[in-house]
Amino acid sequence: MTEHRPLTPKEQKVVDEFETARPGLGAIAESNIRNNHVTGWADIIADTPEEELVVRDGFSSNSFMYKRLGDG
C-alpha cells in the first residue's frame, strides 16, 4: 500500500537530487519512496548517512551483462 505521509527531510533531499539530475526523475523517486513495501527505498534512505545522498556524475558500462553478437 502506498504511504500517504510527509516525506522525511532525507527522503525529500533524494527526490530533489533526482529532479535536479534530470527533470521528471523526482516523481519516480518519490513513488519508489512511497511504495517502500515493494522497493525498500525509504528503509535504504533512512539507513544512509545524509552526506552520501548526493548525485554524482559517472559512467557505467553494462556490456558484461550481455553476450555480444559474434562471440562464440
N, C-alpha and C. Protein backbone atom coordinates (compact mmCIF):
# COMPACT_ATOMS: atom_id res chain seq x y z
N MET A 1 0.83 -1.17 0.00
CA MET A 1 0.00 0.00 0.00
C MET A 1 0.89 1.25 0.00
N THR A 2 0.56 2.20 -0.83
CA THR A 2 1.31 3.44 -0.92
C THR A 2 1.14 4.24 0.36
N GLU A 3 2.26 4.73 0.89
CA GLU A 3 2.23 5.52 2.13
C GLU A 3 1.87 6.96 1.80
N HIS A 4 0.85 7.50 2.47
CA HIS A 4 0.46 8.89 2.30
C HIS A 4 0.86 9.64 3.57
N ARG A 5 2.11 10.03 3.62
CA ARG A 5 2.67 10.75 4.76
C ARG A 5 3.66 11.77 4.23
N PRO A 6 3.98 12.77 5.02
CA PRO A 6 5.01 13.71 4.56
C PRO A 6 6.34 12.99 4.42
N LEU A 7 7.13 13.37 3.44
CA LEU A 7 8.46 12.80 3.29
C LEU A 7 9.37 13.33 4.39
N THR A 8 10.29 12.50 4.83
CA THR A 8 11.29 12.97 5.79
C THR A 8 12.23 13.92 5.06
N PRO A 9 13.00 14.74 5.81
CA PRO A 9 13.96 15.63 5.14
C PRO A 9 14.95 14.87 4.24
N LYS A 10 15.41 13.71 4.68
CA LYS A 10 16.33 12.92 3.85
C LYS A 10 15.64 12.42 2.59
N GLU A 11 14.40 11.96 2.72
CA GLU A 11 13.66 11.49 1.55
C GLU A 11 13.43 12.63 0.57
N GLN A 12 13.09 13.82 1.09
CA GLN A 12 12.87 14.97 0.22
C GLN A 12 14.17 15.35 -0.49
N LYS A 13 15.29 15.21 0.21
CA LYS A 13 16.58 15.51 -0.42
C LYS A 13 16.82 14.56 -1.60
N VAL A 14 16.50 13.29 -1.43
CA VAL A 14 16.67 12.32 -2.52
C VAL A 14 15.80 12.71 -3.71
N VAL A 15 14.55 13.05 -3.45
CA VAL A 15 13.64 13.47 -4.52
C VAL A 15 14.22 14.69 -5.24
N ASP A 16 14.68 15.68 -4.46
CA ASP A 16 15.23 16.90 -5.05
C ASP A 16 16.49 16.62 -5.87
N GLU A 17 17.35 15.74 -5.38
CA GLU A 17 18.59 15.39 -6.10
C GLU A 17 18.27 14.71 -7.43
N PHE A 18 17.32 13.80 -7.42
CA PHE A 18 16.93 13.14 -8.66
C PHE A 18 16.33 14.14 -9.64
N GLU A 19 15.49 15.03 -9.14
CA GLU A 19 14.85 16.02 -10.00
C GLU A 19 15.87 16.97 -10.59
N THR A 20 16.87 17.34 -9.81
CA THR A 20 17.94 18.21 -10.30
C THR A 20 18.76 17.51 -11.37
N ALA A 21 19.01 16.23 -11.16
CA ALA A 21 19.81 15.47 -12.13
C ALA A 21 19.10 15.36 -13.46
N ARG A 22 17.79 15.14 -13.41
CA ARG A 22 17.02 15.03 -14.65
C ARG A 22 15.55 15.27 -14.32
N PRO A 23 14.99 16.34 -14.85
CA PRO A 23 13.59 16.64 -14.57
C PRO A 23 12.68 15.45 -14.88
N GLY A 24 11.81 15.16 -13.92
CA GLY A 24 10.90 14.02 -14.05
C GLY A 24 11.31 12.85 -13.18
N LEU A 25 12.61 12.73 -12.88
CA LEU A 25 13.06 11.62 -12.05
C LEU A 25 12.66 11.78 -10.59
N GLY A 26 12.43 13.03 -10.16
CA GLY A 26 11.99 13.25 -8.79
C GLY A 26 10.67 12.57 -8.49
N ALA A 27 9.75 12.62 -9.44
CA ALA A 27 8.45 11.97 -9.25
C ALA A 27 8.61 10.46 -9.15
N ILE A 28 9.52 9.91 -9.92
CA ILE A 28 9.77 8.47 -9.87
C ILE A 28 10.39 8.10 -8.52
N ALA A 29 11.33 8.90 -8.06
CA ALA A 29 11.96 8.65 -6.76
C ALA A 29 10.91 8.72 -5.65
N GLU A 30 10.04 9.73 -5.71
CA GLU A 30 9.00 9.85 -4.68
C GLU A 30 8.07 8.64 -4.70
N SER A 31 7.71 8.18 -5.86
CA SER A 31 6.87 6.99 -5.97
C SER A 31 7.55 5.77 -5.36
N ASN A 32 8.84 5.63 -5.62
CA ASN A 32 9.58 4.49 -5.04
C ASN A 32 9.67 4.60 -3.53
N ILE A 33 9.82 5.81 -3.01
CA ILE A 33 9.87 6.00 -1.56
C ILE A 33 8.51 5.65 -0.95
N ARG A 34 7.44 6.13 -1.55
CA ARG A 34 6.10 5.90 -1.00
C ARG A 34 5.67 4.44 -1.13
N ASN A 35 6.27 3.71 -2.05
CA ASN A 35 5.98 2.28 -2.21
C ASN A 35 7.07 1.44 -1.57
N ASN A 36 7.51 1.87 -0.40
CA ASN A 36 8.60 1.23 0.32
C ASN A 36 8.37 -0.26 0.54
N HIS A 37 7.14 -0.66 0.74
CA HIS A 37 6.85 -2.08 0.99
C HIS A 37 7.28 -2.96 -0.19
N VAL A 38 7.39 -2.37 -1.38
CA VAL A 38 7.82 -3.10 -2.57
C VAL A 38 9.29 -2.82 -2.88
N THR A 39 9.70 -1.54 -2.76
CA THR A 39 11.02 -1.12 -3.22
C THR A 39 12.09 -1.10 -2.13
N GLY A 40 11.69 -0.83 -0.90
CA GLY A 40 12.66 -0.70 0.19
C GLY A 40 13.40 0.63 0.19
N TRP A 41 13.01 1.56 -0.69
CA TRP A 41 13.74 2.84 -0.81
C TRP A 41 13.75 3.62 0.49
N ALA A 42 12.62 3.76 1.18
CA ALA A 42 12.57 4.54 2.42
C ALA A 42 13.50 3.95 3.46
N ASP A 43 13.55 2.64 3.55
CA ASP A 43 14.44 1.98 4.50
C ASP A 43 15.90 2.24 4.16
N ILE A 44 16.23 2.15 2.88
CA ILE A 44 17.62 2.40 2.44
C ILE A 44 18.01 3.83 2.73
N ILE A 45 17.12 4.78 2.43
CA ILE A 45 17.41 6.19 2.67
C ILE A 45 17.60 6.43 4.17
N ALA A 46 16.75 5.85 4.99
CA ALA A 46 16.86 6.02 6.44
C ALA A 46 18.20 5.50 6.96
N ASP A 47 18.73 4.45 6.35
CA ASP A 47 19.98 3.84 6.79
C ASP A 47 21.23 4.48 6.18
N THR A 48 21.05 5.40 5.23
CA THR A 48 22.17 6.03 4.53
C THR A 48 22.50 7.37 5.18
N PRO A 49 23.77 7.62 5.50
CA PRO A 49 24.15 8.92 6.04
C PRO A 49 23.80 10.04 5.04
N GLU A 50 23.29 11.16 5.55
CA GLU A 50 22.81 12.23 4.68
C GLU A 50 23.89 12.74 3.73
N GLU A 51 25.13 12.78 4.17
CA GLU A 51 26.21 13.29 3.30
C GLU A 51 26.45 12.40 2.08
N GLU A 52 25.95 11.17 2.11
CA GLU A 52 26.09 10.27 0.96
C GLU A 52 24.92 10.38 -0.02
N LEU A 53 23.91 11.16 0.32
CA LEU A 53 22.74 11.30 -0.54
C LEU A 53 22.95 12.45 -1.53
N VAL A 54 23.84 12.23 -2.47
CA VAL A 54 24.16 13.24 -3.48
C VAL A 54 24.23 12.59 -4.85
N VAL A 55 23.95 13.40 -5.86
CA VAL A 55 24.05 12.93 -7.24
C VAL A 55 25.51 13.09 -7.67
N ARG A 56 26.02 12.09 -8.33
CA ARG A 56 27.39 12.14 -8.84
C ARG A 56 27.36 11.79 -10.32
N ASP A 57 28.24 12.44 -11.08
CA ASP A 57 28.41 12.06 -12.47
C ASP A 57 29.25 10.80 -12.52
N GLY A 58 28.95 9.96 -13.48
CA GLY A 58 29.72 8.74 -13.61
C GLY A 58 29.43 8.07 -14.92
N PHE A 59 30.07 6.96 -15.12
CA PHE A 59 29.91 6.19 -16.34
C PHE A 59 29.71 4.74 -15.95
N SER A 60 28.83 4.10 -16.64
CA SER A 60 28.58 2.69 -16.39
C SER A 60 28.49 1.97 -17.72
N SER A 61 29.11 0.83 -17.77
CA SER A 61 29.03 0.00 -18.96
C SER A 61 28.39 -1.31 -18.57
N ASN A 62 27.34 -1.67 -19.26
CA ASN A 62 26.69 -2.94 -18.95
C ASN A 62 26.98 -4.00 -19.99
N SER A 63 28.03 -3.80 -20.79
CA SER A 63 28.31 -4.76 -21.85
C SER A 63 28.66 -6.14 -21.30
N PHE A 64 29.12 -6.21 -20.04
CA PHE A 64 29.44 -7.51 -19.44
C PHE A 64 28.19 -8.35 -19.21
N MET A 65 27.03 -7.71 -19.22
CA MET A 65 25.80 -8.42 -18.91
C MET A 65 25.24 -9.22 -20.10
N TYR A 66 25.66 -8.86 -21.27
CA TYR A 66 25.07 -9.46 -22.45
C TYR A 66 26.13 -10.10 -23.33
N LYS A 67 25.82 -11.25 -23.84
CA LYS A 67 26.72 -11.88 -24.79
C LYS A 67 26.67 -11.09 -26.08
N ARG A 68 27.83 -10.77 -26.60
CA ARG A 68 27.90 -9.97 -27.80
C ARG A 68 27.66 -10.83 -29.03
N LEU A 69 27.04 -10.22 -30.02
CA LEU A 69 26.84 -10.93 -31.27
C LEU A 69 28.20 -11.32 -31.85
N GLY A 70 28.30 -12.50 -32.33
CA GLY A 70 29.54 -12.95 -32.93
C GLY A 70 30.45 -13.67 -31.95
N ASP A 71 30.20 -13.52 -30.61
CA ASP A 71 31.01 -14.23 -29.63
C ASP A 71 30.55 -15.68 -29.60
N GLY A 72 31.49 -16.57 -29.63
CA GLY A 72 31.25 -17.99 -29.74
C GLY A 72 30.45 -18.58 -28.70
